[in-house]
N, C-alpha and C. Protein backbone atom coordinates (compact mmCIF):
# COMPACT_ATOMS: atom_id res chain seq x y z
N UNK A 1 -47.09 -42.12 70.29
CA UNK A 1 -47.28 -42.91 68.85
C UNK A 1 -45.85 -43.62 68.73
N UNK A 2 -45.84 -44.15 69.71
CA UNK A 2 -44.97 -45.31 69.92
C UNK A 2 -45.52 -46.84 69.24
N UNK A 3 -47.05 -47.07 69.26
CA UNK A 3 -47.40 -48.30 68.67
C UNK A 3 -46.56 -48.86 67.67
N UNK A 4 -46.49 -49.85 67.69
CA UNK A 4 -45.44 -50.79 67.24
C UNK A 4 -46.76 -51.83 66.75
N UNK A 5 -46.16 -52.24 65.34
CA UNK A 5 -46.80 -53.59 64.82
C UNK A 5 -46.20 -54.59 65.35
N UNK A 6 -47.01 -56.51 65.69
CA UNK A 6 -45.82 -57.04 65.87
C UNK A 6 -45.93 -57.72 64.83
N UNK A 7 -44.50 -58.53 64.87
CA UNK A 7 -44.43 -59.48 63.68
C UNK A 7 -45.59 -60.40 63.44
N UNK A 8 -45.75 -60.77 64.74
CA UNK A 8 -47.05 -61.97 64.36
C UNK A 8 -48.56 -61.14 64.35
N UNK A 9 -48.69 -60.24 63.95
CA UNK A 9 -49.83 -59.32 63.79
C UNK A 9 -49.86 -59.10 62.24
N UNK A 10 -48.22 -58.66 61.92
CA UNK A 10 -48.11 -59.00 60.03
C UNK A 10 -48.35 -59.90 59.75
N UNK A 11 -48.06 -61.37 60.36
CA UNK A 11 -48.25 -62.53 59.45
C UNK A 11 -49.61 -62.82 59.70
N UNK A 12 -50.00 -62.69 60.87
CA UNK A 12 -51.63 -63.23 60.53
C UNK A 12 -52.74 -62.13 59.46
N UNK A 13 -52.46 -61.13 59.71
CA UNK A 13 -53.51 -60.29 58.41
C UNK A 13 -52.97 -61.01 57.29
N UNK A 14 -51.72 -61.09 57.53
CA UNK A 14 -50.73 -61.56 55.68
C UNK A 14 -51.50 -63.20 55.23
N UNK A 15 -51.86 -63.82 56.33
CA UNK A 15 -52.39 -65.20 55.70
C UNK A 15 -54.12 -65.22 56.22
N UNK A 16 -54.63 -63.98 57.15
CA UNK A 16 -55.79 -64.27 56.51
C UNK A 16 -56.86 -63.23 55.66
N UNK A 17 -55.97 -62.82 54.75
CA UNK A 17 -56.24 -61.94 53.43
C UNK A 17 -56.55 -63.34 52.65
N UNK A 18 -55.71 -64.05 52.21
CA UNK A 18 -55.52 -65.44 51.00
C UNK A 18 -56.52 -66.23 51.59
N UNK A 19 -56.97 -66.56 52.97
CA UNK A 19 -58.12 -67.33 53.22
C UNK A 19 -58.90 -66.86 52.94
N UNK A 20 -59.26 -65.83 53.30
CA UNK A 20 -60.92 -64.92 52.62
C UNK A 20 -61.24 -64.80 51.27
N UNK A 21 -60.24 -64.75 50.43
CA UNK A 21 -60.15 -64.45 48.99
C UNK A 21 -60.46 -66.36 48.57
N UNK A 22 -60.15 -67.27 49.32
CA UNK A 22 -60.20 -68.56 49.00
C UNK A 22 -61.64 -69.44 49.48
N UNK A 23 -62.10 -68.72 50.45
CA UNK A 23 -63.42 -68.53 51.08
C UNK A 23 -64.01 -68.08 50.12
N UNK A 24 -64.46 -67.13 49.92
CA UNK A 24 -65.36 -66.79 48.77
C UNK A 24 -65.44 -67.03 47.86
N UNK A 25 -64.10 -67.06 47.11
CA UNK A 25 -64.07 -67.88 45.76
C UNK A 25 -64.16 -68.77 45.52
N UNK A 26 -64.61 -70.88 46.47
CA UNK A 26 -64.96 -71.19 47.29
C UNK A 26 -67.10 -71.39 47.08
N UNK A 27 -66.95 -70.30 47.96
CA UNK A 27 -68.30 -69.89 47.66
C UNK A 27 -69.06 -69.66 46.69
N UNK A 28 -68.34 -68.39 45.84
CA UNK A 28 -69.07 -68.50 44.65
C UNK A 28 -69.02 -69.71 43.08
N UNK A 29 -68.25 -70.51 43.40
CA UNK A 29 -68.33 -71.80 42.27
C UNK A 29 -69.16 -72.54 43.38
N UNK A 30 -69.75 -72.22 44.00
CA UNK A 30 -71.05 -73.55 44.69
C UNK A 30 -72.42 -73.88 44.46
N UNK A 31 -72.48 -72.56 43.63
CA UNK A 31 -74.22 -72.42 42.70
C UNK A 31 -75.01 -72.91 43.29
N UNK A 32 -76.19 -73.58 43.12
CA UNK A 32 -77.57 -73.68 43.59
C UNK A 32 -77.31 -74.48 44.20
N UNK A 33 -76.62 -75.74 43.46
CA UNK A 33 -76.00 -77.31 44.42
C UNK A 33 -77.60 -78.06 43.83
N UNK A 34 -78.22 -77.72 42.70
CA UNK A 34 -79.24 -77.96 42.09
C UNK A 34 -78.31 -78.83 40.68
N UNK A 35 -79.35 -79.71 40.39
CA UNK A 35 -78.97 -80.04 38.79
C UNK A 35 -79.18 -78.80 37.76
N UNK A 36 -78.73 -78.13 36.90
CA UNK A 36 -78.74 -76.99 36.54
C UNK A 36 -77.59 -77.20 34.86
N UNK A 37 -78.02 -76.43 33.92
CA UNK A 37 -77.25 -76.41 32.74
C UNK A 37 -76.35 -74.80 32.68
N UNK A 38 -75.26 -75.76 32.38
CA UNK A 38 -74.31 -75.20 32.25
C UNK A 38 -73.51 -74.57 30.57
N UNK A 39 -72.80 -74.16 30.32
CA UNK A 39 -72.17 -74.33 28.80
C UNK A 39 -70.78 -74.55 29.32
N UNK A 40 -69.90 -75.43 28.84
CA UNK A 40 -68.61 -75.93 28.44
C UNK A 40 -67.76 -75.92 27.26
N UNK A 41 -66.76 -76.03 26.64
CA UNK A 41 -65.91 -76.01 25.55
C UNK A 41 -66.63 -77.18 24.39
N UNK A 42 -67.28 -78.34 25.35
CA UNK A 42 -67.00 -79.42 24.66
C UNK A 42 -69.46 -79.59 24.40
N UNK A 43 -69.74 -78.23 25.34
CA UNK A 43 -71.64 -78.42 24.99
C UNK A 43 -72.19 -77.84 26.40
N UNK A 44 -73.27 -78.45 26.16
CA UNK A 44 -74.21 -78.28 27.25
C UNK A 44 -74.16 -79.42 28.94
N UNK A 45 -74.00 -79.04 29.67
CA UNK A 45 -73.43 -80.33 30.82
C UNK A 45 -75.25 -80.16 31.34
N UNK A 46 -76.10 -80.32 31.72
CA UNK A 46 -77.42 -80.22 31.99
C UNK A 46 -77.10 -80.81 33.69
N UNK A 47 -76.80 -81.31 34.12
CA UNK A 47 -76.46 -82.07 35.57
C UNK A 47 -74.91 -81.52 36.36
N UNK A 48 -74.82 -81.13 37.00
CA UNK A 48 -73.88 -80.62 38.03
C UNK A 48 -72.94 -82.27 38.79
N UNK A 49 -71.95 -82.72 38.14
CA UNK A 49 -71.59 -83.69 38.72
C UNK A 49 -71.08 -83.62 40.50
N UNK A 50 -70.79 -82.45 40.58
CA UNK A 50 -70.34 -82.14 41.59
C UNK A 50 -71.68 -82.04 42.88
N UNK A 51 -72.52 -82.03 42.80
CA UNK A 51 -73.74 -81.74 43.48
C UNK A 51 -74.64 -83.21 43.45
N UNK A 52 -74.10 -84.06 42.73
CA UNK A 52 -75.12 -85.16 42.93
C UNK A 52 -74.38 -86.33 43.80
N UNK A 53 -74.82 -87.51 44.21
CA UNK A 53 -75.10 -88.54 45.26
C UNK A 53 -74.20 -89.38 44.69
N UNK A 54 -73.53 -90.62 45.61
CA UNK A 54 -72.92 -91.59 45.27
C UNK A 54 -73.47 -92.64 44.17
N UNK A 55 -74.62 -92.19 44.59
CA UNK A 55 -75.87 -93.76 43.75
C UNK A 55 -75.62 -92.54 42.70
N UNK A 56 -76.24 -91.39 42.32
CA UNK A 56 -76.30 -91.31 41.28
C UNK A 56 -75.42 -91.00 39.84
N UNK A 57 -74.08 -90.66 40.51
CA UNK A 57 -72.90 -90.98 39.80
C UNK A 57 -72.87 -92.27 39.35
N UNK A 58 -72.75 -93.12 40.33
CA UNK A 58 -72.44 -94.80 39.99
C UNK A 58 -73.54 -95.49 38.59
N UNK A 59 -74.91 -94.70 39.27
CA UNK A 59 -76.05 -94.87 37.96
C UNK A 59 -75.83 -94.49 36.88
N UNK A 60 -74.81 -93.34 36.75
CA UNK A 60 -74.50 -92.68 35.21
C UNK A 60 -73.72 -93.79 34.66
N UNK A 61 -72.68 -93.60 35.90
CA UNK A 61 -71.80 -94.77 35.39
C UNK A 61 -72.14 -96.17 34.58
N UNK A 62 -72.81 -96.64 35.90
CA UNK A 62 -73.11 -97.72 35.27
C UNK A 62 -73.80 -98.44 34.10
N UNK A 63 -74.40 -97.33 33.31
CA UNK A 63 -75.28 -97.12 32.22
C UNK A 63 -74.77 -96.71 31.16
N UNK A 64 -73.14 -95.87 31.78
CA UNK A 64 -72.54 -95.48 30.88
C UNK A 64 -72.65 -94.30 29.79
N UNK A 65 -73.51 -93.48 30.48
CA UNK A 65 -73.73 -92.27 30.16
C UNK A 65 -72.64 -91.03 29.84
N UNK A 66 -73.28 -90.30 28.52
CA UNK A 66 -71.89 -89.38 28.36
C UNK A 66 -72.74 -88.05 27.60
N UNK A 67 -72.43 -86.83 28.15
CA UNK A 67 -73.40 -85.98 27.71
C UNK A 67 -73.05 -85.50 26.05
N UNK A 68 -72.71 -86.36 25.47
CA UNK A 68 -72.19 -85.90 23.76
C UNK A 68 -72.12 -88.24 23.69
N UNK A 69 -73.54 -87.72 22.52
CA UNK A 69 -73.09 -89.21 21.60
C UNK A 69 -72.28 -89.43 21.27
N UNK A 70 -71.64 -90.49 20.61
CA UNK A 70 -70.86 -90.94 19.65
C UNK A 70 -71.40 -90.77 18.72
N UNK A 71 -72.64 -91.22 18.37
CA UNK A 71 -73.44 -91.75 17.11
C UNK A 71 -74.08 -90.85 17.77
N UNK A 72 -74.39 -90.27 16.24
CA UNK A 72 -75.74 -88.82 16.15
C UNK A 72 -77.12 -89.74 15.74
N UNK A 73 -77.01 -91.25 15.74
CA UNK A 73 -78.20 -91.65 15.64
C UNK A 73 -79.02 -91.99 16.75
N UNK A 74 -77.95 -92.18 18.03
CA UNK A 74 -79.10 -92.35 19.01
C UNK A 74 -78.47 -91.36 20.40
N UNK A 75 -78.65 -90.39 19.92
CA UNK A 75 -79.20 -89.72 21.50
C UNK A 75 -80.13 -88.99 22.18
N UNK A 76 -79.97 -89.17 23.62
CA UNK A 76 -81.12 -89.14 24.24
C UNK A 76 -82.45 -88.69 23.44
N UNK A 77 -82.10 -87.62 22.69
CA UNK A 77 -83.14 -86.83 22.37
C UNK A 77 -84.24 -87.51 21.34
N UNK A 78 -83.80 -88.63 20.54
CA UNK A 78 -84.36 -89.71 20.03
C UNK A 78 -84.59 -91.57 21.13
N UNK A 79 -84.16 -91.03 22.38
CA UNK A 79 -84.82 -92.40 22.96
C UNK A 79 -85.96 -92.44 23.64
N UNK A 80 -86.60 -93.28 24.10
CA UNK A 80 -88.05 -93.37 24.17
C UNK A 80 -87.94 -93.23 26.15
N UNK A 81 -86.77 -92.68 26.16
CA UNK A 81 -86.80 -92.97 27.86
C UNK A 81 -86.44 -91.17 28.42
N UNK A 82 -86.44 -90.40 27.00
CA UNK A 82 -86.59 -89.05 27.56
C UNK A 82 -87.46 -88.37 27.95
N UNK A 83 -87.34 -87.41 27.84
CA UNK A 83 -88.33 -85.96 28.50
C UNK A 83 -87.92 -85.04 28.35
N UNK A 84 -87.85 -84.16 27.05
CA UNK A 84 -87.51 -82.77 26.83
C UNK A 84 -87.82 -81.84 28.20
N UNK A 85 -87.33 -80.73 28.50
CA UNK A 85 -87.45 -79.76 29.41
C UNK A 85 -88.89 -79.05 29.24
N UNK A 86 -89.86 -78.35 29.53
CA UNK A 86 -90.75 -78.22 29.50
C UNK A 86 -90.37 -76.52 29.06
N UNK A 87 -89.29 -75.98 29.45
CA UNK A 87 -88.70 -74.89 28.80
C UNK A 87 -87.60 -74.54 27.74
N UNK A 88 -88.01 -76.09 27.23
CA UNK A 88 -87.09 -75.86 25.56
C UNK A 88 -85.75 -76.22 26.08
N UNK A 89 -84.29 -75.79 25.26
CA UNK A 89 -83.32 -76.23 25.52
C UNK A 89 -83.05 -77.42 25.55
N UNK A 90 -81.49 -77.73 25.45
CA UNK A 90 -81.35 -79.41 25.09
C UNK A 90 -80.72 -80.59 26.52
N UNK A 91 -81.92 -80.06 27.45
CA UNK A 91 -81.78 -80.62 28.88
C UNK A 91 -83.06 -81.00 28.42
N UNK A 92 -82.91 -82.61 29.34
CA UNK A 92 -84.46 -83.08 29.64
C UNK A 92 -84.13 -83.93 30.63
N UNK A 93 -85.31 -84.75 30.79
CA UNK A 93 -85.27 -85.61 31.89
C UNK A 93 -84.83 -86.99 31.38
N UNK A 94 -85.14 -88.21 32.13
CA UNK A 94 -84.21 -89.72 32.16
C UNK A 94 -84.59 -90.76 32.90
N UNK A 95 -85.76 -91.76 32.57
CA UNK A 95 -86.12 -92.54 33.09
C UNK A 95 -85.41 -93.17 33.64
N UNK A 96 -84.32 -93.93 33.17
CA UNK A 96 -83.33 -94.73 33.63
C UNK A 96 -82.75 -94.10 34.76
N UNK A 97 -82.72 -93.05 34.34
CA UNK A 97 -81.96 -92.42 35.62
C UNK A 97 -82.86 -91.52 36.60
N UNK A 98 -83.44 -92.79 37.24
CA UNK A 98 -84.75 -91.75 37.92
C UNK A 98 -84.80 -90.46 37.69
N UNK A 99 -85.37 -90.29 36.24
CA UNK A 99 -85.74 -88.56 36.42
C UNK A 99 -84.74 -87.45 36.69
N UNK A 100 -83.63 -88.32 36.79
CA UNK A 100 -82.17 -87.26 36.52
C UNK A 100 -82.01 -86.43 35.03
N UNK A 101 -81.83 -85.11 35.14
CA UNK A 101 -81.21 -83.77 33.95
C UNK A 101 -80.08 -85.13 33.07
N UNK A 102 -80.59 -84.70 31.82
CA UNK A 102 -79.71 -85.21 30.81
C UNK A 102 -79.64 -84.35 29.78
N UNK A 103 -78.47 -84.61 28.78
CA UNK A 103 -78.28 -83.63 27.73
C UNK A 103 -79.67 -84.74 26.64
N UNK A 104 -79.80 -83.62 25.77
CA UNK A 104 -80.70 -84.04 24.68
C UNK A 104 -79.62 -84.89 23.53
N UNK A 105 -78.79 -84.60 23.45
CA UNK A 105 -77.26 -84.58 22.75
C UNK A 105 -76.40 -85.72 23.15
N UNK A 106 -76.88 -86.30 24.88
CA UNK A 106 -75.99 -87.00 25.43
C UNK A 106 -76.22 -88.71 24.84
N UNK A 107 -76.03 -90.00 25.31
CA UNK A 107 -76.34 -91.11 24.78
C UNK A 107 -75.74 -91.51 26.49
N UNK A 108 -76.82 -93.54 26.24
CA UNK A 108 -76.10 -94.29 27.32
C UNK A 108 -76.56 -95.31 27.15
N UNK A 109 -76.12 -96.64 27.54
CA UNK A 109 -75.70 -97.67 27.03
C UNK A 109 -77.68 -98.56 27.10
N UNK A 110 -78.27 -97.65 27.33
CA UNK A 110 -80.01 -98.40 27.81
C UNK A 110 -80.66 -97.64 26.57
N UNK A 111 -80.04 -97.00 25.83
CA UNK A 111 -80.99 -96.20 24.49
C UNK A 111 -81.76 -96.79 23.81
N UNK A 112 -83.12 -96.72 23.63
CA UNK A 112 -84.44 -97.08 22.90
C UNK A 112 -85.10 -96.51 22.09
N UNK A 113 -84.89 -96.74 21.15
CA UNK A 113 -85.60 -95.64 19.87
C UNK A 113 -87.20 -95.71 20.31
N UNK A 114 -87.67 -94.18 19.93
CA UNK A 114 -89.23 -93.65 20.58
C UNK A 114 -89.80 -94.75 19.53
N UNK A 115 -90.76 -95.00 19.97
CA UNK A 115 -91.74 -95.49 19.03
C UNK A 115 -92.22 -94.90 18.23
């Protein structure tokens, strides 16, 4: 029983364990990869910004979309372009954003009152 563990083997194992943990943590945070609803300290976020294409993010930025309207009179839920989700809740879709998910309490510069 004179098997000795080399310094190289110890260092290699010491690096593999944290790397595997980081990989699993990253994998767990990936989610479904689509638009979804999650709750944060600021309210409900209906679309994952990390899952959006650059064009989708640019469109949202271009119309000044925010998850929470600064004016309760001009929320997405009261906009002509907003369509509530069939399942209810705070999320819906917006025609201005090509049917992308938005928060009913959100706001953008293209807001237009429902008729």
